[in-house]
PDB file of N, CA and C in Angstrom:
ATOM      1  N   MET A   1     125.507-203.297  79.277  1.00  0.00           N
ATOM      2  CA  MET A   1     124.949-201.959  79.352  1.00  0.00           C
ATOM      3  C   MET A   1     125.712-201.071  78.373  1.00  0.00           C
ATOM      4  N   SER A   2     125.009-200.244  77.658  1.00  0.00           N
ATOM      5  CA  SER A   2     125.645-199.288  76.759  1.00  0.00           C
ATOM      6  C   SER A   2     124.937-197.944  76.887  1.00  0.00           C
ATOM      7  N   PHE A   3     125.648-196.908  76.509  1.00  0.00           N
ATOM      8  CA  PHE A   3     125.066-195.566  76.553  1.00  0.00           C
ATOM      9  C   PHE A   3     125.803-194.691  75.561  1.00  0.00           C
ATOM     10  N   LYS A   4     125.213-193.562  75.240  1.00  0.00           N
ATOM     11  CA  LYS A   4     125.819-192.608  74.319  1.00  0.00           C
ATOM     12  C   LYS A   4     126.486-191.487  75.114  1.00  0.00           C
ATOM     13  N   TYR A   5     127.517-190.911  74.512  1.00  0.00           N
ATOM     14  CA  TYR A   5     128.187-189.771  75.138  1.00  0.00           C
ATOM     15  C   TYR A   5     127.180-188.663  75.431  1.00  0.00           C
ATOM     16  N   GLU A   6     126.256-188.452  74.517  1.00  0.00           N
ATOM     17  CA  GLU A   6     125.251-187.407  74.702  1.00  0.00           C
ATOM     18  C   GLU A   6     124.427-187.620  75.966  1.00  0.00           C
ATOM     19  N   ASP A   7     124.173-188.904  76.309  1.00  0.00           N
ATOM     20  CA  ASP A   7     123.456-189.215  77.554  1.00  0.00           C
ATOM     21  C   ASP A   7     124.291-188.823  78.768  1.00  0.00           C
ATOM     22  N   LEU A   8     125.575-189.129  78.709  1.00  0.00           N
ATOM     23  CA  LEU A   8     126.480-188.761  79.802  1.00  0.00           C
ATOM     24  C   LEU A   8     126.567-187.247  79.936  1.00  0.00           C
ATOM     25  N   ALA A   9     126.672-186.545  78.817  1.00  0.00           N
ATOM     26  CA  ALA A   9     126.818-185.092  78.839  1.00  0.00           C
ATOM     27  C   ALA A   9     125.563-184.399  79.360  1.00  0.00           C
ATOM     28  N   SER A  10     124.394-184.950  79.036  1.00  0.00           N
ATOM     29  CA  SER A  10     123.163-184.274  79.449  1.00  0.00           C
ATOM     30  C   SER A  10     122.742-184.618  80.879  1.00  0.00           C
ATOM     31  N   SER A  11     123.069-185.818  81.353  1.00  0.00           N
ATOM     32  CA  SER A  11     122.670-186.240  82.707  1.00  0.00           C
ATOM     33  C   SER A  11     123.769-187.077  83.341  1.00  0.00           C
ATOM     34  N   PRO A  12     124.919-186.474  83.629  1.00  0.00           N
ATOM     35  CA  PRO A  12     126.054-187.280  84.105  1.00  0.00           C
ATOM     36  C   PRO A  12     125.788-188.041  85.400  1.00  0.00           C
ATOM     37  N   PHE A  13     125.228-187.388  86.400  1.00  0.00           N
ATOM     38  CA  PHE A  13     125.015-188.085  87.662  1.00  0.00           C
ATOM     39  C   PHE A  13     124.040-189.246  87.486  1.00  0.00           C
ATOM     40  N   GLU A  14     122.949-188.998  86.798  1.00  0.00           N
ATOM     41  CA  GLU A  14     121.932-190.035  86.628  1.00  0.00           C
ATOM     42  C   GLU A  14     122.486-191.240  85.876  1.00  0.00           C
ATOM     43  N   LEU A  15     123.256-190.978  84.823  1.00  0.00           N
ATOM     44  CA  LEU A  15     123.817-192.080  84.051  1.00  0.00           C
ATOM     45  C   LEU A  15     124.848-192.852  84.867  1.00  0.00           C
ATOM     46  N   LEU A  16     125.774-192.142  85.503  1.00  0.00           N
ATOM     47  CA  LEU A  16     126.786-192.826  86.304  1.00  0.00           C
ATOM     48  C   LEU A  16     126.159-193.581  87.475  1.00  0.00           C
ATOM     49  N   ASP A  17     125.116-193.028  88.061  1.00  0.00           N
ATOM     50  CA  ASP A  17     124.409-193.712  89.141  1.00  0.00           C
ATOM     51  C   ASP A  17     123.788-195.016  88.634  1.00  0.00           C
ATOM     52  N   SER A  18     123.214-194.989  87.433  1.00  0.00           N
ATOM     53  CA  SER A  18     122.632-196.218  86.889  1.00  0.00           C
ATOM     54  C   SER A  18     123.716-197.251  86.586  1.00  0.00           C
ATOM     55  N   ILE A  19     124.906-196.792  86.200  1.00  0.00           N
ATOM     56  CA  ILE A  19     126.017-197.719  85.935  1.00  0.00           C
ATOM     57  C   ILE A  19     126.477-198.386  87.228  1.00  0.00           C
ATOM     58  N   VAL A  20     126.668-197.613  88.303  1.00  0.00           N
ATOM     59  CA  VAL A  20     127.120-198.234  89.552  1.00  0.00           C
ATOM     60  C   VAL A  20     126.052-199.166  90.126  1.00  0.00           C
ATOM     61  N   ARG A  21     124.774-198.823  89.939  1.00  0.00           N
ATOM     62  CA  ARG A  21     123.713-199.744  90.384  1.00  0.00           C
ATOM     63  C   ARG A  21     123.747-201.026  89.556  1.00  0.00           C
ATOM     64  N   PHE A  22     123.953-200.900  88.243  1.00  0.00           N
ATOM     65  CA  PHE A  22     124.054-202.060  87.361  1.00  0.00           C
ATOM     66  C   PHE A  22     125.219-202.959  87.782  1.00  0.00           C
ATOM     67  N   LEU A  23     126.337-202.351  88.147  1.00  0.00           N
ATOM     68  CA  LEU A  23     127.521-203.106  88.568  1.00  0.00           C
ATOM     69  C   LEU A  23     127.416-203.637  89.989  1.00  0.00           C
ATOM     70  N   GLY A  24     126.458-203.109  90.743  1.00  0.00           N
ATOM     71  CA  GLY A  24     126.283-203.561  92.113  1.00  0.00           C
ATOM     72  C   GLY A  24     127.329-203.025  93.065  1.00  0.00           C
ATOM     73  N   VAL A  25     127.891-201.862  92.753  1.00  0.00           N
ATOM     74  CA  VAL A  25     128.863-201.238  93.648  1.00  0.00           C
ATOM     75  C   VAL A  25     128.178-200.123  94.427  1.00  0.00           C
ATOM     76  N   SER A  26     128.912-199.515  95.348  1.00  0.00           N
ATOM     77  CA  SER A  26     128.297-198.529  96.234  1.00  0.00           C
ATOM     78  C   SER A  26     127.644-197.385  95.465  1.00  0.00           C
ATOM     79  N   ASN A  27     126.617-196.828  96.069  1.00  0.00           N
ATOM     80  CA  ASN A  27     125.886-195.722  95.455  1.00  0.00           C
ATOM     81  C   ASN A  27     126.720-194.454  95.440  1.00  0.00           C
ATOM     82  N   LEU A  28     126.431-193.582  94.487  1.00  0.00           N
ATOM     83  CA  LEU A  28     127.105-192.287  94.402  1.00  0.00           C
ATOM     84  C   LEU A  28     126.400-191.288  95.299  1.00  0.00           C
ATOM     85  N   SER A  29     127.169-190.393  95.908  1.00  0.00           N
ATOM     86  CA  SER A  29     126.539-189.329  96.681  1.00  0.00           C
ATOM     87  C   SER A  29     126.105-188.233  95.715  1.00  0.00           C
ATOM     88  N   GLU A  30     125.004-187.598  96.003  1.00  0.00           N
ATOM     89  CA  GLU A  30     124.438-186.596  95.100  1.00  0.00           C
ATOM     90  C   GLU A  30     125.370-185.417  94.862  1.00  0.00           C
ATOM     91  N   ASP A  31     126.262-185.137  95.798  1.00  0.00           N
ATOM     92  CA  ASP A  31     127.167-183.997  95.639  1.00  0.00           C
ATOM     93  C   ASP A  31     128.556-184.406  95.127  1.00  0.00           C
ATOM     94  N   LEU A  32     128.668-185.619  94.608  1.00  0.00           N
ATOM     95  CA  LEU A  32     129.945-186.175  94.180  1.00  0.00           C
ATOM     96  C   LEU A  32     130.707-185.271  93.217  1.00  0.00           C
ATOM     97  N   PHE A  33     130.024-184.626  92.289  1.00  0.00           N
ATOM     98  CA  PHE A  33     130.696-183.843  91.255  1.00  0.00           C
ATOM     99  C   PHE A  33     130.607-182.340  91.478  1.00  0.00           C
ATOM    100  N   ASN A  34     130.140-181.916  92.632  1.00  0.00           N
ATOM    101  CA  ASN A  34     129.979-180.481  92.887  1.00  0.00           C
ATOM    102  C   ASN A  34     131.275-179.690  92.744  1.00  0.00           C
ATOM    103  N   LYS A  35     132.394-180.302  93.083  1.00  0.00           N
ATOM    104  CA  LYS A  35     133.681-179.603  92.998  1.00  0.00           C
ATOM    105  C   LYS A  35     134.497-180.058  91.793  1.00  0.00           C
ATOM    106  N   GLY A  36     133.882-180.789  90.877  1.00  0.00           N
ATOM    107  CA  GLY A  36     134.578-181.284  89.696  1.00  0.00           C
ATOM    108  C   GLY A  36     134.911-182.754  89.831  1.00  0.00           C
ATOM    109  N   ILE A  37     135.771-183.217  88.948  1.00  0.00           N
ATOM    110  CA  ILE A  37     136.218-184.609  88.943  1.00  0.00           C
ATOM    111  C   ILE A  37     137.710-184.609  89.279  1.00  0.00           C
ATOM    112  N   PHE A  38     138.103-185.475  90.184  1.00  0.00           N
ATOM    113  CA  PHE A  38     139.498-185.537  90.603  1.00  0.00           C
ATOM    114  C   PHE A  38     140.132-186.828  90.105  1.00  0.00           C
ATOM    115  N   ASP A  39     141.403-186.733  89.698  1.00  0.00           N
ATOM    116  CA  ASP A  39     142.107-187.915  89.214  1.00  0.00           C
ATOM    117  C   ASP A  39     142.643-188.737  90.387  1.00  0.00           C
ATOM    118  N   HIS A  40     143.331-189.813  90.074  1.00  0.00           N
ATOM    119  CA  HIS A  40     143.827-190.714  91.119  1.00  0.00           C
ATOM    120  C   HIS A  40     144.856-190.064  92.034  1.00  0.00           C
ATOM    121  N   SER A  41     145.444-188.952  91.616  1.00  0.00           N
ATOM    122  CA  SER A  41     146.414-188.233  92.449  1.00  0.00           C
ATOM    123  C   SER A  41     145.769-187.127  93.277  1.00  0.00           C
ATOM    124  N   GLY A  42     144.458-186.959  93.105  1.00  0.00           N
ATOM    125  CA  GLY A  42     143.760-185.918  93.842  1.00  0.00           C
ATOM    126  C   GLY A  42     143.746-184.565  93.160  1.00  0.00           C
ATOM    127  N   ASN A  43     144.233-184.515  91.917  1.00  0.00           N
ATOM    128  CA  ASN A  43     144.227-183.266  91.162  1.00  0.00           C
ATOM    129  C   ASN A  43     142.916-183.105  90.387  1.00  0.00           C
ATOM    130  N   LEU A  44     142.477-181.871  90.265  1.00  0.00           N
ATOM    131  CA  LEU A  44     141.261-181.599  89.505  1.00  0.00           C
ATOM    132  C   LEU A  44     141.477-181.990  88.054  1.00  0.00           C
ATOM    133  N   TRP A  45     140.578-182.818  87.520  1.00  0.00           N
ATOM    134  CA  TRP A  45     140.661-183.251  86.133  1.00  0.00           C
ATOM    135  C   TRP A  45     140.177-182.128  85.229  1.00  0.00           C
ATOM    136  N   ILE A  46     140.956-181.851  84.209  1.00  0.00           N
ATOM    137  CA  ILE A  46     140.566-180.882  83.197  1.00  0.00           C
ATOM    138  C   ILE A  46     140.440-181.652  81.889  1.00  0.00           C
ATOM    139  N   GLY A  47     139.317-181.511  81.233  1.00  0.00           N
ATOM    140  CA  GLY A  47     139.088-182.227  79.983  1.00  0.00           C
ATOM    141  C   GLY A  47     140.195-181.995  78.982  1.00  0.00           C
ATOM    142  N   ASN A  48     140.479-182.990  78.172  1.00  0.00           N
ATOM    143  CA  ASN A  48     141.565-182.887  77.199  1.00  0.00           C
ATOM    144  C   ASN A  48     141.031-182.418  75.842  1.00  0.00           C
ATOM    145  N   PHE A  49     140.405-181.277  75.847  1.00  0.00           N
ATOM    146  CA  PHE A  49     139.859-180.693  74.635  1.00  0.00           C
ATOM    147  C   PHE A  49     140.881-179.733  74.040  1.00  0.00           C
ATOM    148  N   SER A  50     141.052-179.775  72.759  1.00  0.00           N
ATOM    149  CA  SER A  50     142.004-178.874  72.120  1.00  0.00           C
ATOM    150  C   SER A  50     141.413-177.484  71.919  1.00  0.00           C
ATOM    151  N   HIS A  51     140.098-177.355  71.984  1.00  0.00           N
ATOM    152  CA  HIS A  51     139.459-176.075  71.684  1.00  0.00           C
ATOM    153  C   HIS A  51     138.952-175.334  72.919  1.00  0.00           C
ATOM    154  N   HIS A  52     138.892-175.976  74.064  1.00  0.00           N
ATOM    155  CA  HIS A  52     138.537-175.320  75.322  1.00  0.00           C
ATOM    156  C   HIS A  52     138.789-176.288  76.471  1.00  0.00           C
ATOM    157  N   SER A  53     138.798-175.779  77.685  1.00  0.00           N
ATOM    158  CA  SER A  53     138.924-176.691  78.827  1.00  0.00           C
ATOM    159  C   SER A  53     137.661-176.585  79.662  1.00  0.00           C
ATOM    160  N   ASN A  54     137.280-177.700  80.208  1.00  0.00           N
ATOM    161  CA  ASN A  54     136.074-177.771  81.015  1.00  0.00           C
ATOM    162  C   ASN A  54     136.351-178.766  82.129  1.00  0.00           C
ATOM    163  N   PRO A  55     136.143-178.395  83.378  1.00  0.00           N
ATOM    164  CA  PRO A  55     136.451-179.311  84.476  1.00  0.00           C
ATOM    165  C   PRO A  55     135.400-180.401  84.673  1.00  0.00           C
ATOM    166  N   PHE A  56     134.474-180.529  83.756  1.00  0.00           N
ATOM    167  CA  PHE A  56     133.436-181.538  83.890  1.00  0.00           C
ATOM    168  C   PHE A  56     132.876-181.874  82.521  1.00  0.00           C
ATOM    169  N   VAL A  57     132.174-182.957  82.445  1.00  0.00           N
ATOM    170  CA  VAL A  57     131.480-183.335  81.223  1.00  0.00           C
ATOM    171  C   VAL A  57     130.288-182.394  81.072  1.00  0.00           C
ATOM    172  N   SER A  58     130.097-181.867  79.876  1.00  0.00           N
ATOM    173  CA  SER A  58     128.967-180.970  79.682  1.00  0.00           C
ATOM    174  C   SER A  58     128.417-181.094  78.271  1.00  0.00           C
ATOM    175  N   ASN A  59     127.244-180.549  78.069  1.00  0.00           N
ATOM    176  CA  ASN A  59     126.625-180.528  76.748  1.00  0.00           C
ATOM    177  C   ASN A  59     127.371-179.628  75.772  1.00  0.00           C
ATOM    178  N   ASP A  60     128.299-178.806  76.268  1.00  0.00           N
ATOM    179  CA  ASP A  60     129.048-177.890  75.399  1.00  0.00           C
ATOM    180  C   ASP A  60     129.785-178.626  74.282  1.00  0.00           C
ATOM    181  N   SER A  61     130.188-179.850  74.536  1.00  0.00           N
ATOM    182  CA  SER A  61     130.978-180.584  73.550  1.00  0.00           C
ATOM    183  C   SER A  61     130.138-181.415  72.586  1.00  0.00           C
ATOM    184  N   VAL A  62     128.855-181.563  72.853  1.00  0.00           N
ATOM    185  CA  VAL A  62     127.997-182.372  71.987  1.00  0.00           C
ATOM    186  C   VAL A  62     127.889-181.712  70.619  1.00  0.00           C
ATOM    187  N   GLY A  63     128.245-182.453  69.587  1.00  0.00           N
ATOM    188  CA  GLY A  63     128.127-181.975  68.212  1.00  0.00           C
ATOM    189  C   GLY A  63     129.228-181.037  67.753  1.00  0.00           C
ATOM    190  N   VAL A  64     130.186-180.705  68.637  1.00  0.00           N
ATOM    191  CA  VAL A  64     131.234-179.751  68.266  1.00  0.00           C
ATOM    192  C   VAL A  64     132.137-180.300  67.158  1.00  0.00           C
ATOM    193  N   PHE A  65     132.134-181.624  66.994  1.00  0.00           N
ATOM    194  CA  PHE A  65     132.951-182.222  65.932  1.00  0.00           C
ATOM    195  C   PHE A  65     132.570-181.682  64.562  1.00  0.00           C
ATOM    196  N   ARG A  66     131.312-181.322  64.377  1.00  0.00           N
ATOM    197  CA  ARG A  66     130.869-180.802  63.079  1.00  0.00           C
ATOM    198  C   ARG A  66     131.614-179.525  62.683  1.00  0.00           C
ATOM    199  N   LYS A  67     132.059-178.806  63.692  1.00  0.00           N
ATOM    200  CA  LYS A  67     132.772-177.552  63.474  1.00  0.00           C
ATOM    201  C   LYS A  67     134.227-177.795  63.050  1.00  0.00           C
ATOM    202  N   TYR A  68     134.790-178.941  63.433  1.00  0.00           N
ATOM    203  CA  TYR A  68     136.211-179.189  63.238  1.00  0.00           C
ATOM    204  C   TYR A  68     136.545-180.269  62.207  1.00  0.00           C
ATOM    205  N   LEU A  69     135.638-181.226  62.008  1.00  0.00           N
ATOM    206  CA  LEU A  69     135.946-182.321  61.091  1.00  0.00           C
ATOM    207  C   LEU A  69     135.421-182.038  59.688  1.00  0.00           C
ATOM    208  N   PRO A  70     136.231-182.295  58.678  1.00  0.00           N
ATOM    209  CA  PRO A  70     135.741-182.171  57.309  1.00  0.00           C
ATOM    210  C   PRO A  70     134.651-183.206  57.031  1.00  0.00           C
ATOM    211  N   GLU A  71     133.775-182.896  56.121  1.00  0.00           N
ATOM    212  CA  GLU A  71     132.660-183.783  55.766  1.00  0.00           C
ATOM    213  C   GLU A  71     133.153-185.180  55.390  1.00  0.00           C
ATOM    214  N   GLU A  72     134.221-185.269  54.605  1.00  0.00           N
ATOM    215  CA  GLU A  72     134.702-186.593  54.185  1.00  0.00           C
ATOM    216  C   GLU A  72     135.216-187.405  55.369  1.00  0.00           C
ATOM    217  N   THR A  73     135.777-186.766  56.375  1.00  0.00           N
ATOM    218  CA  THR A  73     136.231-187.466  57.575  1.00  0.00           C
ATOM    219  C   THR A  73     135.035-187.995  58.359  1.00  0.00           C
ATOM    220  N   MET A  74     133.997-187.185  58.483  1.00  0.00           N
ATOM    221  CA  MET A  74     132.787-187.643  59.182  1.00  0.00           C
ATOM    222  C   MET A  74     132.172-188.842  58.467  1.00  0.00           C
ATOM    223  N   LYS A  75     132.124-188.803  57.134  1.00  0.00           N
ATOM    224  CA  LYS A  75     131.565-189.930  56.372  1.00  0.00           C
ATOM    225  C   LYS A  75     132.407-191.186  56.559  1.00  0.00           C
ATOM    226  N   TYR A  76     133.736-191.022  56.602  1.00  0.00           N
ATOM    227  CA  TYR A  76     134.623-192.166  56.822  1.00  0.00           C
ATOM    228  C   TYR A  76     134.366-192.784  58.194  1.00  0.00           C
ATOM    229  N   ILE A  77     134.298-191.949  59.218  1.00  0.00           N
ATOM    230  CA  ILE A  77     134.042-192.439  60.581  1.00  0.00           C
ATOM    231  C   ILE A  77     132.699-193.145  60.648  1.00  0.00           C
ATOM    232  N   GLU A  78     131.680-192.537  60.067  1.00  0.00           N
ATOM    233  CA  GLU A  78     130.348-193.142  60.086  1.00  0.00           C
ATOM    234  C   GLU A  78     130.336-194.484  59.363  1.00  0.00           C
ATOM    235  N   SER A  79     131.048-194.590  58.248  1.00  0.00           N
ATOM    236  CA  SER A  79     131.033-195.854  57.504  1.00  0.00           C
ATOM    237  C   SER A  79     131.843-196.944  58.208  1.00  0.00           C
ATOM    238  N   THR A  80     132.952-196.575  58.835  1.00  0.00           N
ATOM    239  CA  THR A  80     133.774-197.607  59.487  1.00  0.00           C
ATOM    240  C   THR A  80     133.249-197.974  60.879  1.00  0.00           C
ATOM    241  N   CYS A  81     132.546-197.067  61.525  1.00  0.00           N
ATOM    242  CA  CYS A  81     132.062-197.315  62.890  1.00  0.00           C
ATOM    243  C   CYS A  81     130.550-197.525  62.950  1.00  0.00           C
ATOM    244  N   TYR A  82     129.919-197.722  61.814  1.00  0.00           N
ATOM    245  CA  TYR A  82     128.460-197.817  61.759  1.00  0.00           C
ATOM    246  C   TYR A  82     127.871-198.781  62.788  1.00  0.00           C
ATOM    247  N   PRO A  83     128.362-200.039  62.869  1.00  0.00           N
ATOM    248  CA  PRO A  83     127.753-200.963  63.849  1.00  0.00           C
ATOM    249  C   PRO A  83     127.819-200.449  65.280  1.00  0.00           C
ATOM    250  N   GLU A  84     128.958-199.859  65.646  1.00  0.00           N
ATOM    251  CA  GLU A  84     129.112-199.349  67.007  1.00  0.00           C
ATOM    252  C   GLU A  84     128.247-198.115  67.247  1.00  0.00           C
ATOM    253  N   MET A  85     128.034-197.319  66.215  1.00  0.00           N
ATOM    254  CA  MET A  85     127.260-196.085  66.369  1.00  0.00           C
ATOM    255  C   MET A  85     125.759-196.351  66.512  1.00  0.00           C
ATOM    256  N   ILE A  86     125.336-197.506  66.019  1.00  0.00           N
ATOM    257  CA  ILE A  86     123.911-197.846  66.157  1.00  0.00           C
ATOM    258  C   ILE A  86     123.610-198.116  67.602  1.00  0.00           C
TER     259      ILE A  86
END
């Protein structure tokens, strides 16, 4: 099974639910992420973004790399990661 970050950002519950069904593990409760995501210590997870913090995956980060990465860096990443990006 594979998916894109953009899929996770736009429909996190639906995507994660399809992953747990694919793996055959217990179903997710619909309110699982209502209070955010908690780490293994029970602390609220805060995204490790250098430009903002967000307690959850969101569409806010989709495409933001264009604002921070130089064109030549994007071309390098695209050329070296092409098979994986397809």
